Amino acid sequence: MNLPKDDLLKGAENREELSRILDQADQAFRTWDIVQTDFLSPPVLYEATAILGRLTEFSFIKGGGYPQAERQRLAIARNEIPLEAEHIEIAAIDISGNFLFDTATHRDFLGSLLGTGLVREKVGDILVLGDRGAQALVIPELVSFLETSLVQVRSVPVKTRPIPIEELKVRPPKKKELTTVEASLRLDAIASAGLGMSRSKMADAISKGNVKVNWKTITQTSYNVKDGDLISLRGKGRVEVGEVNMTKKERYRVQLTRFV
């Protein structure tokens, strides 16, 4: 089939990555195979699922190794083919060493992984475990390579070994439930209530391009949000818009979940 790529990519921010994903969808349709993407960043994942959701010829599922994973893979197939969680292949590795005197950050572990020659798309989330090292999600076919190639992070010798996904030490996200009543669903009003900032400071942050809704930068303070939207402010965290109801005084009662 010939997918109308130009129409599907109209207005998209991540055109190059999305074009590749559409090529993979086309391959899945032609071959009747289940095709997997590499790990996708949240902005690409959001746009990709929105586009694929418009194509009735396809089914897809996503997964990143654990429920709240940020970086996830897609499995894409013709809609006649049932998809299960096991169709998304992900491996976990443990990177252990003594980091007590040379603390390593997420950036350090990622840098060492990429230093072996990997590209970012082959690596999912990285879970830093303090002075014990880290765990990482990767494409399964790279595990053997990493066992022999990833031997140092910063100045610390490390041992890299595969582990079952069930052994991931995932910290549950810290979140706070809030309710706000506002005259409108303007971004500056909802974001300031959810992130605990004054409306004027939030308006300034929005105007400077520091606020994203569903991973897209929004610079209009009057932009109207809706239930399900994810608002993020650089350095301040994220807030998800939940149920929206009208009060008797015709104001908006909005349920918010703040991730801290």
C-alpha atoms as a PDB file:
ATOM      1  CA  MET A   1       0.000   0.000   0.000  1.00  0.00           C
ATOM      2  CA  ASN A   2       1.068   3.590  -0.491  1.00  0.00           C
ATOM      3  CA  LEU A   3       0.690   5.532   2.723  1.00  0.00           C
ATOM      4  CA  PRO A   4      -0.109   9.250   2.245  1.00  0.00           C
ATOM      5  CA  LYS A   5       3.041  10.290   4.096  1.00  0.00           C
ATOM      6  CA  ASP A   6       2.838  13.974   3.212  1.00  0.00           C
ATOM      7  CA  ASP A   7      -0.680  14.229   4.628  1.00  0.00           C
ATOM      8  CA  LEU A   8       0.133  12.138   7.701  1.00  0.00           C
ATOM      9  CA  LEU A   9       3.250  14.177   8.511  1.00  0.00           C
ATOM     10  CA  LYS A  10       1.605  17.550   8.041  1.00  0.00           C
ATOM     11  CA  GLY A  11       2.366  19.695  11.090  1.00  0.00           C
ATOM     12  CA  ALA A  12       4.543  17.003  12.711  1.00  0.00           C
ATOM     13  CA  GLU A  13       7.639  18.113  14.608  1.00  0.00           C
ATOM     14  CA  ASN A  14       9.641  14.884  14.313  1.00  0.00           C
ATOM     15  CA  ARG A  15       9.247  14.269  10.601  1.00  0.00           C
ATOM     16  CA  GLU A  16      12.420  12.254  10.012  1.00  0.00           C
ATOM     17  CA  GLU A  17      11.720   9.716  12.764  1.00  0.00           C
ATOM     18  CA  LEU A  18       8.022   9.522  11.894  1.00  0.00           C
ATOM     19  CA  SER A  19       8.801   8.954   8.225  1.00  0.00           C
ATOM     20  CA  ARG A  20      10.958   5.979   9.225  1.00  0.00           C
ATOM     21  CA  ILE A  21       8.144   4.581  11.383  1.00  0.00           C
ATOM     22  CA  LEU A  22       5.673   4.902   8.494  1.00  0.00           C
ATOM     23  CA  ASP A  23       8.120   3.004   6.282  1.00  0.00           C
ATOM     24  CA  GLN A  24       8.156   0.259   8.912  1.00  0.00           C
ATOM     25  CA  ALA A  25       4.339   0.252   8.996  1.00  0.00           C
ATOM     26  CA  ASP A  26       4.325  -0.117   5.221  1.00  0.00           C
ATOM     27  CA  GLN A  27       6.737  -3.055   5.563  1.00  0.00           C
ATOM     28  CA  ALA A  28       4.447  -4.677   8.144  1.00  0.00           C
ATOM     29  CA  PHE A  29       1.498  -4.346   5.783  1.00  0.00           C
ATOM     30  CA  ARG A  30       3.330  -5.779   2.755  1.00  0.00           C
ATOM     31  CA  THR A  31       5.044  -8.683   4.514  1.00  0.00           C
ATOM     32  CA  TRP A  32       2.407  -9.605   7.135  1.00  0.00           C
ATOM     33  CA  ASP A  33       5.247  -9.455   9.676  1.00  0.00           C
ATOM     34  CA  ILE A  34       5.187  -7.820  13.094  1.00  0.00           C
ATOM     35  CA  VAL A  35       7.701  -4.970  12.865  1.00  0.00           C
ATOM     36  CA  GLN A  36       9.352  -3.330  15.873  1.00  0.00           C
ATOM     37  CA  THR A  37      10.718   0.183  16.059  1.00  0.00           C
ATOM     38  CA  ASP A  38      13.790   1.104  18.062  1.00  0.00           C
ATOM     39  CA  PHE A  39      13.267   2.936  21.368  1.00  0.00           C
ATOM     40  CA  LEU A  40      11.377   6.180  20.779  1.00  0.00           C
ATOM     41  CA  SER A  41      11.629   9.355  22.834  1.00  0.00           C
ATOM     42  CA  PRO A  42       8.363  10.594  24.403  1.00  0.00           C
ATOM     43  CA  PRO A  43       7.750  13.340  21.782  1.00  0.00           C
ATOM     44  CA  VAL A  44       8.239  10.910  18.879  1.00  0.00           C
ATOM     45  CA  LEU A  45       6.166   8.217  20.605  1.00  0.00           C
ATOM     46  CA  TYR A  46       3.302  10.656  21.165  1.00  0.00           C
ATOM     47  CA  GLU A  47       3.217  11.761  17.526  1.00  0.00           C
ATOM     48  CA  ALA A  48       3.710   8.223  16.194  1.00  0.00           C
ATOM     49  CA  THR A  49       0.810   6.754  18.163  1.00  0.00           C
ATOM     50  CA  ALA A  50      -1.430   9.651  17.087  1.00  0.00           C
ATOM     51  CA  ILE A  51      -0.612   9.031  13.412  1.00  0.00           C
ATOM     52  CA  LEU A  52      -0.889   5.235  13.574  1.00  0.00           C
ATOM     53  CA  GLY A  53      -4.183   5.599  15.408  1.00  0.00           C
ATOM     54  CA  ARG A  54      -5.599   7.250  12.279  1.00  0.00           C
ATOM     55  CA  LEU A  55      -4.690   4.263  10.089  1.00  0.00           C
ATOM     56  CA  THR A  56      -7.390   1.603  10.370  1.00  0.00           C
ATOM     57  CA  GLU A  57      -5.263  -0.928   8.460  1.00  0.00           C
ATOM     58  CA  PHE A  58      -2.843  -1.248  11.369  1.00  0.00           C
ATOM     59  CA  SER A  59      -2.717  -2.284  14.997  1.00  0.00           C
ATOM     60  CA  PHE A  60       0.120  -1.394  17.334  1.00  0.00           C
ATOM     61  CA  ILE A  61       1.225  -1.703  20.946  1.00  0.00           C
ATOM     62  CA  LYS A  62       3.963   0.055  22.897  1.00  0.00           C
ATOM     63  CA  GLY A  63       6.240  -0.906  25.761  1.00  0.00           C
ATOM     64  CA  GLY A  64       9.459   0.100  27.449  1.00  0.00           C
ATOM     65  CA  GLY A  65      10.146  -2.716  29.906  1.00  0.00           C
ATOM     66  CA  TYR A  66       8.089  -1.392  32.812  1.00  0.00           C
ATOM     67  CA  PRO A  67       4.783   0.508  33.044  1.00  0.00           C
ATOM     68  CA  GLN A  68       6.048   4.088  33.406  1.00  0.00           C
ATOM     69  CA  ALA A  69       9.020   3.797  31.043  1.00  0.00           C
ATOM     70  CA  GLU A  70       9.647   7.016  29.126  1.00  0.00           C
ATOM     71  CA  ARG A  71      11.452   5.538  26.143  1.00  0.00           C
ATOM     72  CA  GLN A  72       9.376   2.823  24.466  1.00  0.00           C
ATOM     73  CA  ARG A  73       9.291   0.615  21.401  1.00  0.00           C
ATOM     74  CA  LEU A  74       6.324   0.095  19.101  1.00  0.00           C
ATOM     75  CA  ALA A  75       5.258  -3.208  17.573  1.00  0.00           C
ATOM     76  CA  ILE A  76       3.259  -2.616  14.379  1.00  0.00           C
ATOM     77  CA  ALA A  77       1.225  -5.137  12.381  1.00  0.00           C
ATOM     78  CA  ARG A  78      -1.730  -5.431  10.030  1.00  0.00           C
ATOM     79  CA  ASN A  79      -4.925  -5.175  12.012  1.00  0.00           C
ATOM     80  CA  GLU A  80      -5.725  -8.819  11.236  1.00  0.00           C
ATOM     81  CA  ILE A  81      -2.751  -9.893  13.373  1.00  0.00           C
ATOM     82  CA  PRO A  82      -3.263  -9.936  17.170  1.00  0.00           C
ATOM     83  CA  LEU A  83      -0.483  -8.236  19.116  1.00  0.00           C
ATOM     84  CA  GLU A  84       0.685  -9.279  22.572  1.00  0.00           C
ATOM     85  CA  ALA A  85       3.124  -7.700  25.023  1.00  0.00           C
ATOM     86  CA  GLU A  86       5.778 -10.312  24.176  1.00  0.00           C
ATOM     87  CA  HIS A  87       5.922  -8.984  20.613  1.00  0.00           C
ATOM     88  CA  ILE A  88       7.947  -6.074  21.995  1.00  0.00           C
ATOM     89  CA  GLU A  89      11.423  -7.440  22.635  1.00  0.00           C
ATOM     90  CA  ILE A  90      13.399  -5.689  25.356  1.00  0.00           C
ATOM     91  CA  ALA A  91      16.353  -6.849  27.420  1.00  0.00           C
ATOM     92  CA  ALA A  92      17.595  -5.572  30.764  1.00  0.00           C
ATOM     93  CA  ILE A  93      21.238  -5.292  31.771  1.00  0.00           C
ATOM     94  CA  ASP A  94      22.863  -4.627  35.127  1.00  0.00           C
ATOM     95  CA  ILE A  95      25.926  -2.337  35.181  1.00  0.00           C
ATOM     96  CA  SER A  96      27.542  -2.910  38.567  1.00  0.00           C
ATOM     97  CA  GLY A  97      30.571  -1.250  40.138  1.00  0.00           C
ATOM     98  CA  ASN A  98      31.679   0.628  43.244  1.00  0.00           C
ATOM     99  CA  PHE A  99      30.654   4.249  42.675  1.00  0.00           C
ATOM    100  CA  LEU A 100      30.993   5.257  46.329  1.00  0.00           C
ATOM    101  CA  PHE A 101      33.913   7.605  45.651  1.00  0.00           C
ATOM    102  CA  ASP A 102      33.171   8.515  42.029  1.00  0.00           C
ATOM    103  CA  THR A 103      29.444   9.081  41.682  1.00  0.00           C
ATOM    104  CA  ALA A 104      28.022   8.509  38.208  1.00  0.00           C
ATOM    105  CA  THR A 105      24.905  10.188  36.830  1.00  0.00           C
ATOM    106  CA  HIS A 106      22.390   9.150  34.187  1.00  0.00           C
ATOM    107  CA  ARG A 107      24.446  11.163  31.678  1.00  0.00           C
ATOM    108  CA  ASP A 108      27.611   9.219  32.626  1.00  0.00           C
ATOM    109  CA  PHE A 109      25.996   5.820  32.117  1.00  0.00           C
ATOM    110  CA  LEU A 110      24.403   6.908  28.846  1.00  0.00           C
ATOM    111  CA  GLY A 111      27.721   8.335  27.667  1.00  0.00           C
ATOM    112  CA  SER A 112      29.508   5.059  28.404  1.00  0.00           C
ATOM    113  CA  LEU A 113      26.824   3.050  26.587  1.00  0.00           C
ATOM    114  CA  LEU A 114      27.071   5.291  23.530  1.00  0.00           C
ATOM    115  CA  GLY A 115      30.856   5.203  23.829  1.00  0.00           C
ATOM    116  CA  THR A 116      30.757   1.520  22.869  1.00  0.00           C
ATOM    117  CA  GLY A 117      29.418   2.565  19.459  1.00  0.00           C
ATOM    118  CA  LEU A 118      25.680   2.278  20.116  1.00  0.00           C
ATOM    119  CA  VAL A 119      23.234   4.867  18.849  1.00  0.00           C
ATOM    120  CA  ARG A 120      20.715   6.380  21.263  1.00  0.00           C
ATOM    121  CA  GLU A 121      17.753   4.628  19.664  1.00  0.00           C
ATOM    122  CA  LYS A 122      19.070   1.230  20.797  1.00  0.00           C
ATOM    123  CA  VAL A 123      18.927   2.218  24.484  1.00  0.00           C
ATOM    124  CA  GLY A 124      15.756   2.648  26.533  1.00  0.00           C
ATOM    125  CA  ASP A 125      15.467   3.972  30.063  1.00  0.00           C
ATOM    126  CA  ILE A 126      18.425   3.937  32.444  1.00  0.00           C
ATOM    127  CA  LEU A 127      17.776   3.406  36.156  1.00  0.00           C
ATOM    128  CA  VAL A 128      20.594   4.804  38.299  1.00  0.00           C
ATOM    129  CA  LEU A 129      21.114   2.875  41.555  1.00  0.00           C
ATOM    130  CA  GLY A 130      23.385   5.254  43.447  1.00  0.00           C
ATOM    131  CA  ASP A 131      26.784   3.885  44.421  1.00  0.00           C
ATOM    132  CA  ARG A 132      25.913   0.394  43.133  1.00  0.00           C
ATOM    133  CA  GLY A 133      25.705   1.288  39.442  1.00  0.00           C
ATOM    134  CA  ALA A 134      22.704   1.239  37.141  1.00  0.00           C
ATOM    135  CA  GLN A 135      20.314  -0.881  35.116  1.00  0.00           C
ATOM    136  CA  ALA A 136      19.420  -0.211  31.485  1.00  0.00           C
ATOM    137  CA  LEU A 137      16.907  -1.397  28.901  1.00  0.00           C
ATOM    138  CA  VAL A 138      18.359  -2.227  25.496  1.00  0.00           C
ATOM    139  CA  ILE A 139      17.616  -3.975  22.213  1.00  0.00           C
ATOM    140  CA  PRO A 140      18.094  -7.718  23.001  1.00  0.00           C
ATOM    141  CA  GLU A 141      20.574  -8.449  20.225  1.00  0.00           C
ATOM    142  CA  LEU A 142      23.077  -6.036  21.816  1.00  0.00           C
ATOM    143  CA  VAL A 143      23.361  -7.753  25.202  1.00  0.00           C
ATOM    144  CA  SER A 144      26.301 -10.010  24.337  1.00  0.00           C
ATOM    145  CA  PHE A 145      28.181  -7.093  22.798  1.00  0.00           C
ATOM    146  CA  LEU A 146      27.665  -4.946  25.898  1.00  0.00           C
ATOM    147  CA  GLU A 147      28.785  -7.732  28.236  1.00  0.00           C
ATOM    148  CA  THR A 148      32.252  -7.519  26.697  1.00  0.00           C
ATOM    149  CA  SER A 149      32.358  -3.868  25.595  1.00  0.00           C
ATOM    150  CA  LEU A 150      30.925  -1.913  28.526  1.00  0.00           C
ATOM    151  CA  VAL A 151      33.695  -2.287  31.114  1.00  0.00           C
ATOM    152  CA  GLN A 152      34.081   1.216  32.594  1.00  0.00           C
ATOM    153  CA  VAL A 153      31.921   4.189  33.603  1.00  0.00           C
ATOM    154  CA  ARG A 154      33.831   7.325  34.563  1.00  0.00           C
ATOM    155  CA  SER A 155      36.903   5.935  36.376  1.00  0.00           C
ATOM    156  CA  VAL A 156      35.060   2.906  37.759  1.00  0.00           C
ATOM    157  CA  PRO A 157      35.473  -0.625  36.342  1.00  0.00           C
ATOM    158  CA  VAL A 158      32.059  -2.217  35.825  1.00  0.00           C
ATOM    159  CA  LYS A 159      30.626  -5.626  35.131  1.00  0.00           C
ATOM    160  CA  THR A 160      27.776  -5.729  32.631  1.00  0.00           C
ATOM    161  CA  ARG A 161      25.437  -8.713  32.666  1.00  0.00           C
ATOM    162  CA  PRO A 162      21.905  -9.526  31.515  1.00  0.00           C
ATOM    163  CA  ILE A 163      19.164  -9.718  34.134  1.00  0.00           C
ATOM    164  CA  PRO A 164      15.471 -10.689  33.983  1.00  0.00           C
ATOM    165  CA  ILE A 165      13.122  -7.747  33.430  1.00  0.00           C
ATOM    166  CA  GLU A 166      11.513  -8.666  36.754  1.00  0.00           C
ATOM    167  CA  GLU A 167      14.730  -7.701  38.576  1.00  0.00           C
ATOM    168  CA  LEU A 168      14.534  -4.051  37.511  1.00  0.00           C
ATOM    169  CA  LYS A 169      14.640  -1.799  40.561  1.00  0.00           C
ATOM    170  CA  VAL A 170      11.953   0.647  39.461  1.00  0.00           C
ATOM    171  CA  ARG A 171      11.038   3.408  41.871  1.00  0.00           C
ATOM    172  CA  PRO A 172       7.316   4.231  41.694  1.00  0.00           C
ATOM    173  CA  PRO A 173       6.767   7.811  40.531  1.00  0.00           C
ATOM    174  CA  LYS A 174       6.099  10.377  43.238  1.00  0.00           C
ATOM    175  CA  LYS A 175       2.842  12.116  42.519  1.00  0.00           C
ATOM    176  CA  LYS A 176       0.381  14.447  44.140  1.00  0.00           C
ATOM    177  CA  GLU A 177      -3.335  14.693  43.346  1.00  0.00           C
ATOM    178  CA  LEU A 178      -4.778  18.203  43.125  1.00  0.00           C
ATOM    179  CA  THR A 179      -8.074  19.874  42.294  1.00  0.00           C
ATOM    180  CA  THR A 180      -8.384  23.411  40.999  1.00  0.00           C
ATOM    181  CA  VAL A 181     -11.363  25.524  39.981  1.00  0.00           C
ATOM    182  CA  GLU A 182     -10.691  27.973  37.154  1.00  0.00           C
ATOM    183  CA  ALA A 183     -12.649  30.364  34.961  1.00  0.00           C
ATOM    184  CA  SER A 184     -11.113  28.786  31.834  1.00  0.00           C
ATOM    185  CA  LEU A 185      -8.867  25.967  30.665  1.00  0.00           C
ATOM    186  CA  ARG A 186      -6.093  28.344  29.627  1.00  0.00           C
ATOM    187  CA  LEU A 187      -2.634  26.868  29.814  1.00  0.00           C
ATOM    188  CA  ASP A 188      -1.276  29.579  32.117  1.00  0.00           C
ATOM    189  CA  ALA A 189      -4.112  29.049  34.601  1.00  0.00           C
ATOM    190  CA  ILE A 190      -4.005  25.249  34.711  1.00  0.00           C
ATOM    191  CA  ALA A 191      -0.193  24.985  34.660  1.00  0.00           C
ATOM    192  CA  SER A 192       0.265  27.549  37.428  1.00  0.00           C
ATOM    193  CA  ALA A 193      -2.250  25.697  39.631  1.00  0.00           C
ATOM    194  CA  GLY A 194      -0.690  22.308  38.903  1.00  0.00           C
ATOM    195  CA  LEU A 195       2.941  23.309  39.325  1.00  0.00           C
ATOM    196  CA  GLY A 196       2.476  25.730  42.221  1.00  0.00           C
ATOM    197  CA  MET A 197       3.691  28.907  40.505  1.00  0.00           C
ATOM    198  CA  SER A 198       2.198  32.346  40.207  1.00  0.00           C
ATOM    199  CA  ARG A 199       0.249  32.895  37.015  1.00  0.00           C
ATOM    200  CA  SER A 200       2.518  35.757  35.938  1.00  0.00           C
ATOM    201  CA  LYS A 201       5.650  33.598  36.302  1.00  0.00           C
ATOM    202  CA  MET A 202       3.967  30.779  34.419  1.00  0.00           C
ATOM    203  CA  ALA A 203       2.901  33.150  31.636  1.00  0.00           C
ATOM    204  CA  ASP A 204       6.505  34.308  31.360  1.00  0.00           C
ATOM    205  CA  ALA A 205       7.765  30.707  31.189  1.00  0.00           C
ATOM    206  CA  ILE A 206       5.235  29.895  28.463  1.00  0.00           C
ATOM    207  CA  SER A 207       6.192  32.957  26.411  1.00  0.00           C
ATOM    208  CA  LYS A 208       9.881  31.988  26.642  1.00  0.00           C
ATOM    209  CA  GLY A 209       9.161  28.528  25.224  1.00  0.00           C
ATOM    210  CA  ASN A 210       9.869  26.598  28.438  1.00  0.00           C
ATOM    211  CA  VAL A 211       6.474  24.872  28.640  1.00  0.00           C
ATOM    212  CA  LYS A 212       5.375  21.850  26.638  1.00  0.00           C
ATOM    213  CA  VAL A 213       1.978  20.226  26.232  1.00  0.00           C
ATOM    214  CA  ASN A 214       2.162  16.604  25.132  1.00  0.00           C
ATOM    215  CA  TRP A 215       5.879  17.168  24.397  1.00  0.00           C
ATOM    216  CA  LYS A 216       5.200  20.092  22.028  1.00  0.00           C
ATOM    217  CA  THR A 217       6.376  23.595  22.926  1.00  0.00           C
ATOM    218  CA  ILE A 218       3.432  25.953  23.378  1.00  0.00           C
ATOM    219  CA  THR A 219       4.094  29.693  23.564  1.00  0.00           C
ATOM    220  CA  GLN A 220       0.488  30.940  23.746  1.00  0.00           C
ATOM    221  CA  THR A 221      -0.710  31.511  27.319  1.00  0.00           C
ATOM    222  CA  SER A 222      -4.320  31.314  26.082  1.00  0.00           C
ATOM    223  CA  TYR A 223      -3.892  27.799  24.669  1.00  0.00           C
ATOM    224  CA  ASN A 224      -6.757  25.624  25.968  1.00  0.00           C
ATOM    225  CA  VAL A 225      -5.804  22.305  27.567  1.00  0.00           C
ATOM    226  CA  LYS A 226      -8.029  19.235  27.813  1.00  0.00           C
ATOM    227  CA  ASP A 227      -8.276  16.070  29.873  1.00  0.00           C
ATOM    228  CA  GLY A 228      -5.380  13.706  29.210  1.00  0.00           C
ATOM    229  CA  ASP A 229      -2.909  16.484  28.363  1.00  0.00           C
ATOM    230  CA  LEU A 230       0.561  16.323  29.918  1.00  0.00           C
ATOM    231  CA  ILE A 231       2.077  19.711  30.771  1.00  0.00           C
ATOM    232  CA  SER A 232       5.790  19.980  31.512  1.00  0.00           C
ATOM    233  CA  LEU A 233       7.940  22.908  32.612  1.00  0.00           C
ATOM    234  CA  ARG A 234      11.679  22.651  32.301  1.00  0.00           C
ATOM    235  CA  GLY A 235      13.205  22.069  35.730  1.00  0.00           C
ATOM    236  CA  LYS A 236       9.847  22.033  37.554  1.00  0.00           C
ATOM    237  CA  GLY A 237       8.272  18.705  36.659  1.00  0.00           C
ATOM    238  CA  ARG A 238       5.071  17.618  34.960  1.00  0.00           C
ATOM    239  CA  VAL A 239       1.361  17.746  35.592  1.00  0.00           C
ATOM    240  CA  GLU A 240      -1.323  15.635  33.928  1.00  0.00           C
ATOM    241  CA  VAL A 241      -4.799  17.036  33.325  1.00  0.00           C
ATOM    242  CA  GLY A 242      -7.461  14.645  34.569  1.00  0.00           C
ATOM    243  CA  GLU A 243     -11.244  14.862  34.650  1.00  0.00           C
ATOM    244  CA  VAL A 244     -12.791  18.241  33.830  1.00  0.00           C
ATOM    245  CA  ASN A 245     -16.286  19.163  35.104  1.00  0.00           C
ATOM    246  CA  MET A 246     -18.386  22.321  35.175  1.00  0.00           C
ATOM    247  CA  THR A 247     -19.485  23.758  38.515  1.00  0.00           C
ATOM    248  CA  LYS A 248     -22.896  25.328  39.171  1.00  0.00           C
ATOM    249  CA  LYS A 249     -21.237  28.731  38.714  1.00  0.00           C
ATOM    250  CA  GLU A 250     -20.027  27.633  35.275  1.00  0.00           C
ATOM    251  CA  ARG A 251     -16.388  27.373  36.230  1.00  0.00           C
ATOM    252  CA  TYR A 252     -14.090  24.455  35.455  1.00  0.00           C
ATOM    253  CA  ARG A 253     -13.240  21.970  38.201  1.00  0.00           C
ATOM    254  CA  VAL A 254     -10.086  20.212  37.034  1.00  0.00           C
ATOM    255  CA  GLN A 255      -8.415  17.144  38.538  1.00  0.00           C
ATOM    256  CA  LEU A 256      -4.629  17.329  38.242  1.00  0.00           C
ATOM    257  CA  THR A 257      -1.819  14.874  38.942  1.00  0.00           C
ATOM    258  CA  ARG A 258       1.572  16.419  39.603  1.00  0.00           C
ATOM    259  CA  PHE A 259       4.665  14.273  39.149  1.00  0.00           C
ATOM    260  CA  VAL A 260       7.496  15.414  41.407  1.00  0.00           C
END
